[in-house]
Amino acid sequence: GQCKIQNKLHKYVLKPPRVLALGVAWDKGDALTRTELENVNRKVKDKIDLAAMYRVPGVTNHSGTQYAHLLGLICFYGRHYTSYFLNDRLRQWLYFDDSNVRTIGTWKDVKRHMHSSALRPLVLFYEVHQSNESKQACTIM
């Protein structure tokens, strides 16, 4: 017969990598509306708590967290790829479009630029920090 009890799935990260790459799957092709794109782009965060996504042994939301800060992302529009990456030295986000590189500014500026250019995030690169490193890490907003 069919199982009537649903088992809960637990995702573990035993030793988080220093850099975490997350892929975004798009199933609608080019038929995405601006509103749908905006909703997805709004959910892309410049800082994520790994303990909220995975069970990390020795780390809980009460005893500490393990953060990952966004380093960069690759985006797509039509048949064209672009990217944004954080320059730590300048403390600014840079935009790469073929051979053109320009300073975008803050993370909020990146979000605005993604929206106005209708760019879809494809791959997000996060740098993982331990709890004690997270307090020292600076988020560029």
C-alpha atoms as a PDB file:
ATOM      1  CA  GLY A   1       0.000   0.000   0.000  1.00  0.00           C
ATOM      2  CA  GLN A   2       0.845   3.660   0.022  1.00  0.00           C
ATOM      3  CA  CYS A   3       2.693   5.216   2.910  1.00  0.00           C
ATOM      4  CA  LYS A   4       0.426   7.565   4.844  1.00  0.00           C
ATOM      5  CA  ILE A   5       3.208   9.100   6.907  1.00  0.00           C
ATOM      6  CA  GLN A   6       5.361  11.696   5.230  1.00  0.00           C
ATOM      7  CA  ASN A   7       9.009  11.582   6.287  1.00  0.00           C
ATOM      8  CA  LYS A   8      10.752  14.862   6.878  1.00  0.00           C
ATOM      9  CA  LEU A   9      13.813  15.465   4.720  1.00  0.00           C
ATOM     10  CA  HIS A  10      16.872  16.915   6.452  1.00  0.00           C
ATOM     11  CA  LYS A  11      19.714  18.510   4.493  1.00  0.00           C
ATOM     12  CA  TYR A  12      23.120  18.507   6.173  1.00  0.00           C
ATOM     13  CA  VAL A  13      26.345  20.307   5.452  1.00  0.00           C
ATOM     14  CA  LEU A  14      29.068  18.581   7.444  1.00  0.00           C
ATOM     15  CA  LYS A  15      31.839  20.954   6.416  1.00  0.00           C
ATOM     16  CA  PRO A  16      30.706  23.966   4.399  1.00  0.00           C
ATOM     17  CA  PRO A  17      32.989  24.927   1.522  1.00  0.00           C
ATOM     18  CA  ARG A  18      34.771  28.263   1.581  1.00  0.00           C
ATOM     19  CA  VAL A  19      32.875  29.298  -1.580  1.00  0.00           C
ATOM     20  CA  LEU A  20      29.333  28.108  -2.212  1.00  0.00           C
ATOM     21  CA  ALA A  21      27.807  28.296  -5.700  1.00  0.00           C
ATOM     22  CA  LEU A  22      24.011  28.201  -5.956  1.00  0.00           C
ATOM     23  CA  GLY A  23      22.303  27.696  -9.305  1.00  0.00           C
ATOM     24  CA  VAL A  24      18.925  29.209 -10.126  1.00  0.00           C
ATOM     25  CA  ALA A  25      16.737  27.081 -12.405  1.00  0.00           C
ATOM     26  CA  TRP A  26      14.369  28.864 -14.782  1.00  0.00           C
ATOM     27  CA  ASP A  27      11.574  26.810 -16.294  1.00  0.00           C
ATOM     28  CA  LYS A  28       9.674  29.462 -18.245  1.00  0.00           C
ATOM     29  CA  GLY A  29      12.249  30.312 -20.904  1.00  0.00           C
ATOM     30  CA  ASP A  30      11.791  33.841 -22.239  1.00  0.00           C
ATOM     31  CA  ALA A  31       8.113  33.976 -21.209  1.00  0.00           C
ATOM     32  CA  LEU A  32       8.879  35.522 -17.812  1.00  0.00           C
ATOM     33  CA  THR A  33       6.995  38.697 -16.918  1.00  0.00           C
ATOM     34  CA  ARG A  34       8.720  41.702 -15.315  1.00  0.00           C
ATOM     35  CA  THR A  35       6.753  41.070 -12.112  1.00  0.00           C
ATOM     36  CA  GLU A  36       7.872  37.426 -11.928  1.00  0.00           C
ATOM     37  CA  LEU A  37      11.466  38.451 -12.551  1.00  0.00           C
ATOM     38  CA  GLU A  38      11.267  41.174  -9.917  1.00  0.00           C
ATOM     39  CA  ASN A  39       9.887  38.668  -7.381  1.00  0.00           C
ATOM     40  CA  VAL A  40      12.812  36.311  -7.964  1.00  0.00           C
ATOM     41  CA  ASN A  41      15.434  39.064  -7.946  1.00  0.00           C
ATOM     42  CA  ARG A  42      14.009  40.411  -4.679  1.00  0.00           C
ATOM     43  CA  LYS A  43      14.766  37.038  -3.067  1.00  0.00           C
ATOM     44  CA  VAL A  44      18.452  37.140  -3.991  1.00  0.00           C
ATOM     45  CA  LYS A  45      20.196  38.224  -0.789  1.00  0.00           C
ATOM     46  CA  ASP A  46      23.716  39.495  -0.294  1.00  0.00           C
ATOM     47  CA  LYS A  47      23.994  37.507   2.943  1.00  0.00           C
ATOM     48  CA  ILE A  48      22.475  34.118   3.763  1.00  0.00           C
ATOM     49  CA  ASP A  49      22.397  32.043   6.933  1.00  0.00           C
ATOM     50  CA  LEU A  50      23.461  28.485   6.103  1.00  0.00           C
ATOM     51  CA  ALA A  51      21.840  27.191   9.284  1.00  0.00           C
ATOM     52  CA  ALA A  52      18.485  28.371   7.902  1.00  0.00           C
ATOM     53  CA  MET A  53      19.033  26.295   4.729  1.00  0.00           C
ATOM     54  CA  TYR A  54      20.913  23.276   6.047  1.00  0.00           C
ATOM     55  CA  ARG A  55      21.632  21.554   9.298  1.00  0.00           C
ATOM     56  CA  VAL A  56      25.196  22.436  10.166  1.00  0.00           C
ATOM     57  CA  PRO A  57      26.582  20.259  12.998  1.00  0.00           C
ATOM     58  CA  GLY A  58      27.550  22.403  15.972  1.00  0.00           C
ATOM     59  CA  VAL A  59      25.691  25.457  14.648  1.00  0.00           C
ATOM     60  CA  THR A  60      22.117  26.348  15.518  1.00  0.00           C
ATOM     61  CA  ASN A  61      20.173  29.555  15.271  1.00  0.00           C
ATOM     62  CA  HIS A  62      20.399  29.875  19.060  1.00  0.00           C
ATOM     63  CA  SER A  63      24.111  29.205  19.596  1.00  0.00           C
ATOM     64  CA  GLY A  64      25.372  31.008  16.513  1.00  0.00           C
ATOM     65  CA  THR A  65      25.018  31.132  12.791  1.00  0.00           C
ATOM     66  CA  GLN A  66      27.178  30.472   9.793  1.00  0.00           C
ATOM     67  CA  TYR A  67      26.833  33.200   7.212  1.00  0.00           C
ATOM     68  CA  ALA A  68      27.731  33.323   3.565  1.00  0.00           C
ATOM     69  CA  HIS A  69      28.248  36.683   1.875  1.00  0.00           C
ATOM     70  CA  LEU A  70      27.583  37.196  -1.814  1.00  0.00           C
ATOM     71  CA  LEU A  71      30.774  37.585  -3.846  1.00  0.00           C
ATOM     72  CA  GLY A  72      29.229  37.698  -7.283  1.00  0.00           C
ATOM     73  CA  LEU A  73      26.586  36.431  -9.652  1.00  0.00           C
ATOM     74  CA  ILE A  74      26.231  35.504 -13.275  1.00  0.00           C
ATOM     75  CA  CYS A  75      23.094  36.742 -15.026  1.00  0.00           C
ATOM     76  CA  PHE A  76      21.356  36.050 -18.315  1.00  0.00           C
ATOM     77  CA  TYR A  77      19.162  37.987 -20.707  1.00  0.00           C
ATOM     78  CA  GLY A  78      18.096  36.708 -24.118  1.00  0.00           C
ATOM     79  CA  ARG A  79      21.262  35.069 -25.414  1.00  0.00           C
ATOM     80  CA  HIS A  80      23.664  37.209 -23.433  1.00  0.00           C
ATOM     81  CA  TYR A  81      25.497  36.632 -20.137  1.00  0.00           C
ATOM     82  CA  THR A  82      26.720  39.341 -17.780  1.00  0.00           C
ATOM     83  CA  SER A  83      27.998  39.329 -14.208  1.00  0.00           C
ATOM     84  CA  TYR A  84      28.386  41.373 -11.054  1.00  0.00           C
ATOM     85  CA  PHE A  85      31.231  40.884  -8.599  1.00  0.00           C
ATOM     86  CA  LEU A  86      32.136  42.631  -5.392  1.00  0.00           C
ATOM     87  CA  ASN A  87      35.519  44.363  -5.341  1.00  0.00           C
ATOM     88  CA  ASP A  88      36.635  44.223  -1.697  1.00  0.00           C
ATOM     89  CA  ARG A  89      39.356  46.812  -2.166  1.00  0.00           C
ATOM     90  CA  LEU A  90      36.986  49.375  -3.682  1.00  0.00           C
ATOM     91  CA  ARG A  91      34.060  48.181  -1.544  1.00  0.00           C
ATOM     92  CA  GLN A  92      31.930  48.503  -4.676  1.00  0.00           C
ATOM     93  CA  TRP A  93      30.072  46.131  -6.977  1.00  0.00           C
ATOM     94  CA  LEU A  94      31.374  45.893 -10.533  1.00  0.00           C
ATOM     95  CA  TYR A  95      29.356  45.006 -13.626  1.00  0.00           C
ATOM     96  CA  PHE A  96      30.967  42.919 -16.383  1.00  0.00           C
ATOM     97  CA  ASP A  97      29.391  42.973 -19.836  1.00  0.00           C
ATOM     98  CA  ASP A  98      31.679  41.466 -22.493  1.00  0.00           C
ATOM     99  CA  SER A  99      34.774  43.690 -22.540  1.00  0.00           C
ATOM    100  CA  ASN A 100      33.061  46.513 -20.633  1.00  0.00           C
ATOM    101  CA  VAL A 101      33.563  46.775 -16.878  1.00  0.00           C
ATOM    102  CA  ARG A 102      32.003  49.525 -14.821  1.00  0.00           C
ATOM    103  CA  THR A 103      31.327  50.305 -11.195  1.00  0.00           C
ATOM    104  CA  ILE A 104      27.702  49.870 -10.173  1.00  0.00           C
ATOM    105  CA  GLY A 105      28.019  50.805  -6.489  1.00  0.00           C
ATOM    106  CA  THR A 106      26.118  49.256  -3.615  1.00  0.00           C
ATOM    107  CA  TRP A 107      24.104  46.032  -3.472  1.00  0.00           C
ATOM    108  CA  LYS A 108      20.920  48.114  -3.763  1.00  0.00           C
ATOM    109  CA  ASP A 109      22.338  49.629  -6.960  1.00  0.00           C
ATOM    110  CA  VAL A 110      22.987  46.122  -8.298  1.00  0.00           C
ATOM    111  CA  LYS A 111      19.375  45.121  -7.569  1.00  0.00           C
ATOM    112  CA  ARG A 112      18.086  48.231  -9.361  1.00  0.00           C
ATOM    113  CA  HIS A 113      20.364  47.587 -12.339  1.00  0.00           C
ATOM    114  CA  MET A 114      19.256  43.938 -12.558  1.00  0.00           C
ATOM    115  CA  HIS A 115      15.622  45.040 -12.537  1.00  0.00           C
ATOM    116  CA  SER A 116      16.011  47.790 -15.128  1.00  0.00           C
ATOM    117  CA  SER A 117      18.027  45.473 -17.411  1.00  0.00           C
ATOM    118  CA  ALA A 118      15.641  42.506 -16.911  1.00  0.00           C
ATOM    119  CA  LEU A 119      18.583  40.292 -15.913  1.00  0.00           C
ATOM    120  CA  ARG A 120      17.985  36.806 -14.548  1.00  0.00           C
ATOM    121  CA  PRO A 121      20.402  35.514 -11.931  1.00  0.00           C
ATOM    122  CA  LEU A 122      21.785  32.085 -12.895  1.00  0.00           C
ATOM    123  CA  VAL A 123      24.683  31.351 -10.549  1.00  0.00           C
ATOM    124  CA  LEU A 124      25.281  32.998  -7.164  1.00  0.00           C
ATOM    125  CA  PHE A 125      28.719  32.781  -5.529  1.00  0.00           C
ATOM    126  CA  TYR A 126      28.832  33.095  -1.738  1.00  0.00           C
ATOM    127  CA  GLU A 127      31.852  33.105   0.574  1.00  0.00           C
ATOM    128  CA  VAL A 128      31.182  31.155   3.752  1.00  0.00           C
ATOM    129  CA  HIS A 129      32.213  32.677   7.092  1.00  0.00           C
ATOM    130  CA  GLN A 130      32.290  30.975  10.477  1.00  0.00           C
ATOM    131  CA  SER A 131      30.271  32.564  13.298  1.00  0.00           C
ATOM    132  CA  ASN A 132      33.201  34.562  14.663  1.00  0.00           C
ATOM    133  CA  GLU A 133      34.162  35.720  11.149  1.00  0.00           C
ATOM    134  CA  SER A 134      30.621  36.857  10.383  1.00  0.00           C
ATOM    135  CA  LYS A 135      30.746  39.525  13.059  1.00  0.00           C
ATOM    136  CA  GLN A 136      33.838  40.984  11.421  1.00  0.00           C
ATOM    137  CA  ALA A 137      32.680  40.595   7.828  1.00  0.00           C
ATOM    138  CA  CYS A 138      31.298  43.726   6.261  1.00  0.00           C
ATOM    139  CA  THR A 139      28.208  43.651   4.072  1.00  0.00           C
ATOM    140  CA  ILE A 140      28.239  46.213   1.293  1.00  0.00           C
ATOM    141  CA  MET A 141      24.693  47.591   1.185  1.00  0.00           C
END
